[in-house]
Amino acid sequence: MPYVNIKITREGLTAVQKEQLIQGATELLVDVLGKNPEITVVVIDEINTDNWGIAGESVTKRRQRDE
């Protein structure tokens, strides 16, 4: 059973966008690896930008600095 875990920052992704990610990831596994879409699991984890760090600082701070 293929399992895909998509981790993104929590920034207002819509239900439609999430559905598109789930469909797209499933189709990719079907097209590239020949996996059965009926048993393909896709999970989307939305992470608060305070909890996502790059180069030693949170995404929240990086974005505030870049404004």
PDB file of N, CA and C in Angstrom:
ATOM      1  N   MET A   1       0.838  -1.172   0.000  1.00  0.00           N
ATOM      2  CA  MET A   1       0.000   0.000   0.000  1.00  0.00           C
ATOM      3  C   MET A   1       0.888   1.241   0.000  1.00  0.00           C
ATOM      4  N   PRO A   2       0.889   1.998  -1.098  1.00  0.00           N
ATOM      5  CA  PRO A   2       1.684   3.229  -1.135  1.00  0.00           C
ATOM      6  C   PRO A   2       1.139   4.260  -0.142  1.00  0.00           C
ATOM      7  N   TYR A   3       2.065   4.959   0.495  1.00  0.00           N
ATOM      8  CA  TYR A   3       1.721   5.989   1.477  1.00  0.00           C
ATOM      9  C   TYR A   3       2.537   7.226   1.143  1.00  0.00           C
ATOM     10  N   VAL A   4       1.851   8.332   0.875  1.00  0.00           N
ATOM     11  CA  VAL A   4       2.507   9.595   0.558  1.00  0.00           C
ATOM     12  C   VAL A   4       2.165  10.584   1.662  1.00  0.00           C
ATOM     13  N   ASN A   5       3.175  11.258   2.205  1.00  0.00           N
ATOM     14  CA  ASN A   5       2.957  12.258   3.239  1.00  0.00           C
ATOM     15  C   ASN A   5       3.457  13.593   2.707  1.00  0.00           C
ATOM     16  N   ILE A   6       2.537  14.526   2.509  1.00  0.00           N
ATOM     17  CA  ILE A   6       2.867  15.860   2.022  1.00  0.00           C
ATOM     18  C   ILE A   6       2.861  16.795   3.219  1.00  0.00           C
ATOM     19  N   LYS A   7       3.969  17.464   3.449  1.00  0.00           N
ATOM     20  CA  LYS A   7       4.065  18.417   4.551  1.00  0.00           C
ATOM     21  C   LYS A   7       4.221  19.815   3.957  1.00  0.00           C
ATOM     22  N   ILE A   8       3.316  20.699   4.355  1.00  0.00           N
ATOM     23  CA  ILE A   8       3.340  22.073   3.873  1.00  0.00           C
ATOM     24  C   ILE A   8       3.104  23.008   5.052  1.00  0.00           C
ATOM     25  N   THR A   9       3.462  24.266   4.880  1.00  0.00           N
ATOM     26  CA  THR A   9       3.166  25.233   5.929  1.00  0.00           C
ATOM     27  C   THR A   9       1.679  25.567   5.890  1.00  0.00           C
ATOM     28  N   ARG A  10       1.118  25.815   7.070  1.00  0.00           N
ATOM     29  CA  ARG A  10      -0.302  26.128   7.203  1.00  0.00           C
ATOM     30  C   ARG A  10      -0.514  27.590   6.820  1.00  0.00           C
ATOM     31  N   GLU A  11      -1.016  27.776   5.614  1.00  0.00           N
ATOM     32  CA  GLU A  11      -1.206  29.148   5.131  1.00  0.00           C
ATOM     33  C   GLU A  11      -2.451  29.272   4.260  1.00  0.00           C
ATOM     34  N   GLY A  12      -3.513  28.639   4.693  1.00  0.00           N
ATOM     35  CA  GLY A  12      -4.791  28.855   4.024  1.00  0.00           C
ATOM     36  C   GLY A  12      -5.041  28.035   2.780  1.00  0.00           C
ATOM     37  N   LEU A  13      -4.479  26.854   2.712  1.00  0.00           N
ATOM     38  CA  LEU A  13      -4.768  25.974   1.592  1.00  0.00           C
ATOM     39  C   LEU A  13      -6.256  25.644   1.595  1.00  0.00           C
ATOM     40  N   THR A  14      -6.884  25.716   0.440  1.00  0.00           N
ATOM     41  CA  THR A  14      -8.318  25.442   0.363  1.00  0.00           C
ATOM     42  C   THR A  14      -8.579  23.940   0.250  1.00  0.00           C
ATOM     43  N   ALA A  15      -9.824  23.562   0.492  1.00  0.00           N
ATOM     44  CA  ALA A  15     -10.216  22.158   0.341  1.00  0.00           C
ATOM     45  C   ALA A  15     -10.003  21.699  -1.097  1.00  0.00           C
ATOM     46  N   VAL A  16     -10.251  22.573  -2.049  1.00  0.00           N
ATOM     47  CA  VAL A  16     -10.049  22.238  -3.464  1.00  0.00           C
ATOM     48  C   VAL A  16      -8.567  21.987  -3.747  1.00  0.00           C
ATOM     49  N   GLN A  17      -7.698  22.827  -3.227  1.00  0.00           N
ATOM     50  CA  GLN A  17      -6.258  22.645  -3.429  1.00  0.00           C
ATOM     51  C   GLN A  17      -5.775  21.341  -2.799  1.00  0.00           C
ATOM     52  N   LYS A  18      -6.300  21.013  -1.622  1.00  0.00           N
ATOM     53  CA  LYS A  18      -5.917  19.760  -0.971  1.00  0.00           C
ATOM     54  C   LYS A  18      -6.366  18.571  -1.808  1.00  0.00           C
ATOM     55  N   GLU A  19      -7.569  18.635  -2.330  1.00  0.00           N
ATOM     56  CA  GLU A  19      -8.074  17.566  -3.184  1.00  0.00           C
ATOM     57  C   GLU A  19      -7.202  17.407  -4.427  1.00  0.00           C
ATOM     58  N   GLN A  20      -6.768  18.532  -4.996  1.00  0.00           N
ATOM     59  CA  GLN A  20      -5.886  18.483  -6.169  1.00  0.00           C
ATOM     60  C   GLN A  20      -4.545  17.827  -5.826  1.00  0.00           C
ATOM     61  N   LEU A  21      -3.998  18.129  -4.649  1.00  0.00           N
ATOM     62  CA  LEU A  21      -2.754  17.491  -4.214  1.00  0.00           C
ATOM     63  C   LEU A  21      -2.933  15.989  -4.053  1.00  0.00           C
ATOM     64  N   ILE A  22      -4.035  15.593  -3.428  1.00  0.00           N
ATOM     65  CA  ILE A  22      -4.303  14.173  -3.219  1.00  0.00           C
ATOM     66  C   ILE A  22      -4.464  13.458  -4.561  1.00  0.00           C
ATOM     67  N   GLN A  23      -5.245  14.030  -5.448  1.00  0.00           N
ATOM     68  CA  GLN A  23      -5.445  13.420  -6.767  1.00  0.00           C
ATOM     69  C   GLN A  23      -4.145  13.355  -7.557  1.00  0.00           C
ATOM     70  N   GLY A  24      -3.386  14.451  -7.519  1.00  0.00           N
ATOM     71  CA  GLY A  24      -2.138  14.509  -8.277  1.00  0.00           C
ATOM     72  C   GLY A  24      -1.099  13.507  -7.782  1.00  0.00           C
ATOM     73  N   ALA A  25      -0.963  13.402  -6.468  1.00  0.00           N
ATOM     74  CA  ALA A  25       0.004  12.450  -5.912  1.00  0.00           C
ATOM     75  C   ALA A  25      -0.403  11.018  -6.245  1.00  0.00           C
ATOM     76  N   THR A  26      -1.696  10.747  -6.159  1.00  0.00           N
ATOM     77  CA  THR A  26      -2.193   9.413  -6.492  1.00  0.00           C
ATOM     78  C   THR A  26      -1.933   9.095  -7.964  1.00  0.00           C
ATOM     79  N   GLU A  27      -2.264  10.021  -8.842  1.00  0.00           N
ATOM     80  CA  GLU A  27      -2.049   9.820 -10.282  1.00  0.00           C
ATOM     81  C   GLU A  27      -0.574   9.616 -10.603  1.00  0.00           C
ATOM     82  N   LEU A  28       0.309  10.332  -9.925  1.00  0.00           N
ATOM     83  CA  LEU A  28       1.743  10.185 -10.147  1.00  0.00           C
ATOM     84  C   LEU A  28       2.198   8.766  -9.839  1.00  0.00           C
ATOM     85  N   LEU A  29       1.736   8.219  -8.708  1.00  0.00           N
ATOM     86  CA  LEU A  29       2.117   6.854  -8.346  1.00  0.00           C
ATOM     87  C   LEU A  29       1.534   5.829  -9.324  1.00  0.00           C
ATOM     88  N   VAL A  30       0.342   6.092  -9.812  1.00  0.00           N
ATOM     89  CA  VAL A  30      -0.265   5.201 -10.808  1.00  0.00           C
ATOM     90  C   VAL A  30       0.528   5.262 -12.106  1.00  0.00           C
ATOM     91  N   ASP A  31       0.808   6.472 -12.584  1.00  0.00           N
ATOM     92  CA  ASP A  31       1.484   6.655 -13.875  1.00  0.00           C
ATOM     93  C   ASP A  31       2.932   6.187 -13.868  1.00  0.00           C
ATOM     94  N   VAL A  32       3.668   6.504 -12.817  1.00  0.00           N
ATOM     95  CA  VAL A  32       5.107   6.221 -12.788  1.00  0.00           C
ATOM     96  C   VAL A  32       5.406   4.816 -12.292  1.00  0.00           C
ATOM     97  N   LEU A  33       4.683   4.392 -11.248  1.00  0.00           N
ATOM     98  CA  LEU A  33       5.008   3.115 -10.614  1.00  0.00           C
ATOM     99  C   LEU A  33       3.964   2.021 -10.830  1.00  0.00           C
ATOM    100  N   GLY A  34       2.870   2.372 -11.501  1.00  0.00           N
ATOM    101  CA  GLY A  34       1.829   1.384 -11.740  1.00  0.00           C
ATOM    102  C   GLY A  34       1.080   0.955 -10.487  1.00  0.00           C
ATOM    103  N   LYS A  35       1.026   1.829  -9.484  1.00  0.00           N
ATOM    104  CA  LYS A  35       0.367   1.491  -8.217  1.00  0.00           C
ATOM    105  C   LYS A  35      -1.154   1.554  -8.359  1.00  0.00           C
ATOM    106  N   ASN A  36      -1.827   0.788  -7.521  1.00  0.00           N
ATOM    107  CA  ASN A  36      -3.278   0.740  -7.510  1.00  0.00           C
ATOM    108  C   ASN A  36      -3.817   1.956  -6.750  1.00  0.00           C
ATOM    109  N   PRO A  37      -4.598   2.820  -7.397  1.00  0.00           N
ATOM    110  CA  PRO A  37      -5.097   4.009  -6.701  1.00  0.00           C
ATOM    111  C   PRO A  37      -6.060   3.678  -5.566  1.00  0.00           C
ATOM    112  N   GLU A  38      -6.671   2.506  -5.613  1.00  0.00           N
ATOM    113  CA  GLU A  38      -7.629   2.116  -4.579  1.00  0.00           C
ATOM    114  C   GLU A  38      -6.986   1.866  -3.218  1.00  0.00           C
ATOM    115  N   ILE A  39      -5.682   1.628  -3.218  1.00  0.00           N
ATOM    116  CA  ILE A  39      -4.997   1.378  -1.940  1.00  0.00           C
ATOM    117  C   ILE A  39      -3.877   2.388  -1.681  1.00  0.00           C
ATOM    118  N   THR A  40      -3.877   3.469  -2.447  1.00  0.00           N
ATOM    119  CA  THR A  40      -2.876   4.522  -2.276  1.00  0.00           C
ATOM    120  C   THR A  40      -3.378   5.534  -1.250  1.00  0.00           C
ATOM    121  N   VAL A  41      -2.578   5.781  -0.235  1.00  0.00           N
ATOM    122  CA  VAL A  41      -2.943   6.696   0.850  1.00  0.00           C
ATOM    123  C   VAL A  41      -2.118   7.971   0.714  1.00  0.00           C
ATOM    124  N   VAL A  42      -2.788   9.126   0.792  1.00  0.00           N
ATOM    125  CA  VAL A  42      -2.108  10.419   0.762  1.00  0.00           C
ATOM    126  C   VAL A  42      -2.550  11.201   1.994  1.00  0.00           C
ATOM    127  N   VAL A  43      -1.576  11.674   2.765  1.00  0.00           N
ATOM    128  CA  VAL A  43      -1.847  12.451   3.976  1.00  0.00           C
ATOM    129  C   VAL A  43      -1.188  13.816   3.805  1.00  0.00           C
ATOM    130  N   ILE A  44      -1.933  14.857   4.123  1.00  0.00           N
ATOM    131  CA  ILE A  44      -1.393  16.220   4.081  1.00  0.00           C
ATOM    132  C   ILE A  44      -1.276  16.719   5.518  1.00  0.00           C
ATOM    133  N   ASP A  45      -0.060  17.059   5.917  1.00  0.00           N
ATOM    134  CA  ASP A  45       0.185  17.662   7.234  1.00  0.00           C
ATOM    135  C   ASP A  45       0.456  19.149   7.020  1.00  0.00           C
ATOM    136  N   GLU A  46      -0.348  19.983   7.668  1.00  0.00           N
ATOM    137  CA  GLU A  46      -0.129  21.421   7.606  1.00  0.00           C
ATOM    138  C   GLU A  46       0.582  21.844   8.887  1.00  0.00           C
ATOM    139  N   ILE A  47       1.759  22.418   8.732  1.00  0.00           N
ATOM    140  CA  ILE A  47       2.614  22.772   9.856  1.00  0.00           C
ATOM    141  C   ILE A  47       2.604  24.292  10.049  1.00  0.00           C
ATOM    142  N   ASN A  48       2.401  24.720  11.267  1.00  0.00           N
ATOM    143  CA  ASN A  48       2.461  26.143  11.582  1.00  0.00           C
ATOM    144  C   ASN A  48       3.855  26.664  11.238  1.00  0.00           C
ATOM    145  N   THR A  49       3.933  27.849  10.669  1.00  0.00           N
ATOM    146  CA  THR A  49       5.235  28.398  10.259  1.00  0.00           C
ATOM    147  C   THR A  49       6.185  28.621  11.437  1.00  0.00           C
ATOM    148  N   ASP A  50       5.659  28.716  12.664  1.00  0.00           N
ATOM    149  CA  ASP A  50       6.521  28.794  13.846  1.00  0.00           C
ATOM    150  C   ASP A  50       7.249  27.473  14.088  1.00  0.00           C
ATOM    151  N   ASN A  51       6.702  26.402  13.555  1.00  0.00           N
ATOM    152  CA  ASN A  51       7.247  25.064  13.775  1.00  0.00           C
ATOM    153  C   ASN A  51       8.026  24.531  12.573  1.00  0.00           C
ATOM    154  N   TRP A  52       8.314  25.371  11.614  1.00  0.00           N
ATOM    155  CA  TRP A  52       9.040  24.968  10.409  1.00  0.00           C
ATOM    156  C   TRP A  52      10.256  25.875  10.295  1.00  0.00           C
ATOM    157  N   GLY A  53      11.437  25.289  10.348  1.00  0.00           N
ATOM    158  CA  GLY A  53      12.645  26.101  10.329  1.00  0.00           C
ATOM    159  C   GLY A  53      13.487  25.879   9.093  1.00  0.00           C
ATOM    160  N   ILE A  54      14.142  26.940   8.665  1.00  0.00           N
ATOM    161  CA  ILE A  54      15.080  26.898   7.544  1.00  0.00           C
ATOM    162  C   ILE A  54      16.301  27.725   7.943  1.00  0.00           C
ATOM    163  N   ALA A  55      17.467  27.152   7.773  1.00  0.00           N
ATOM    164  CA  ALA A  55      18.719  27.869   8.038  1.00  0.00           C
ATOM    165  C   ALA A  55      18.765  28.455   9.449  1.00  0.00           C
ATOM    166  N   GLY A  56      18.232  27.721  10.403  1.00  0.00           N
ATOM    167  CA  GLY A  56      18.349  28.136  11.796  1.00  0.00           C
ATOM    168  C   GLY A  56      17.301  29.101  12.297  1.00  0.00           C
ATOM    169  N   GLU A  57      16.278  29.399  11.498  1.00  0.00           N
ATOM    170  CA  GLU A  57      15.221  30.273  11.984  1.00  0.00           C
ATOM    171  C   GLU A  57      13.873  29.801  11.452  1.00  0.00           C
ATOM    172  N   SER A  58      12.809  30.185  12.149  1.00  0.00           N
ATOM    173  CA  SER A  58      11.473  29.754  11.743  1.00  0.00           C
ATOM    174  C   SER A  58      11.053  30.462  10.456  1.00  0.00           C
ATOM    175  N   VAL A  59      10.162  29.826   9.738  1.00  0.00           N
ATOM    176  CA  VAL A  59       9.617  30.432   8.517  1.00  0.00           C
ATOM    177  C   VAL A  59       8.910  31.738   8.860  1.00  0.00           C
ATOM    178  N   THR A  60       8.262  31.783  10.018  1.00  0.00           N
ATOM    179  CA  THR A  60       7.584  33.008  10.442  1.00  0.00           C
ATOM    180  C   THR A  60       8.569  34.172  10.501  1.00  0.00           C
ATOM    181  N   LYS A  61       9.716  33.969  11.162  1.00  0.00           N
ATOM    182  CA  LYS A  61      10.713  35.042  11.272  1.00  0.00           C
ATOM    183  C   LYS A  61      11.302  35.404   9.909  1.00  0.00           C
ATOM    184  N   ARG A  62      11.575  34.410   9.097  1.00  0.00           N
ATOM    185  CA  ARG A  62      12.134  34.669   7.767  1.00  0.00           C
ATOM    186  C   ARG A  62      11.200  35.531   6.944  1.00  0.00           C
ATOM    187  N   ARG A  63       9.921  35.234   7.012  1.00  0.00           N
ATOM    188  CA  ARG A  63       8.947  35.987   6.220  1.00  0.00           C
ATOM    189  C   ARG A  63       8.770  37.403   6.765  1.00  0.00           C
ATOM    190  N   GLN A  64       8.822  37.561   8.089  1.00  0.00           N
ATOM    191  CA  GLN A  64       8.728  38.892   8.683  1.00  0.00           C
ATOM    192  C   GLN A  64       9.926  39.726   8.270  1.00  0.00           C
ATOM    193  N   ARG A  65      11.087  39.116   8.250  1.00  0.00           N
ATOM    194  CA  ARG A  65      12.331  39.806   7.877  1.00  0.00           C
ATOM    195  C   ARG A  65      12.304  40.233   6.416  1.00  0.00           C
ATOM    196  N   ASP A  66      11.700  39.386   5.565  1.00  0.00           N
ATOM    197  CA  ASP A  66      11.695  39.645   4.118  1.00  0.00           C
ATOM    198  C   ASP A  66      10.612  40.630   3.685  1.00  0.00           C
ATOM    199  N   GLU A  67       9.727  41.026   4.601  1.00  0.00           N
ATOM    200  CA  GLU A  67       8.642  41.964   4.231  1.00  0.00           C
ATOM    201  C   GLU A  67       9.136  43.358   4.009  1.00  0.00           C
TER     202      GLU A  67
END
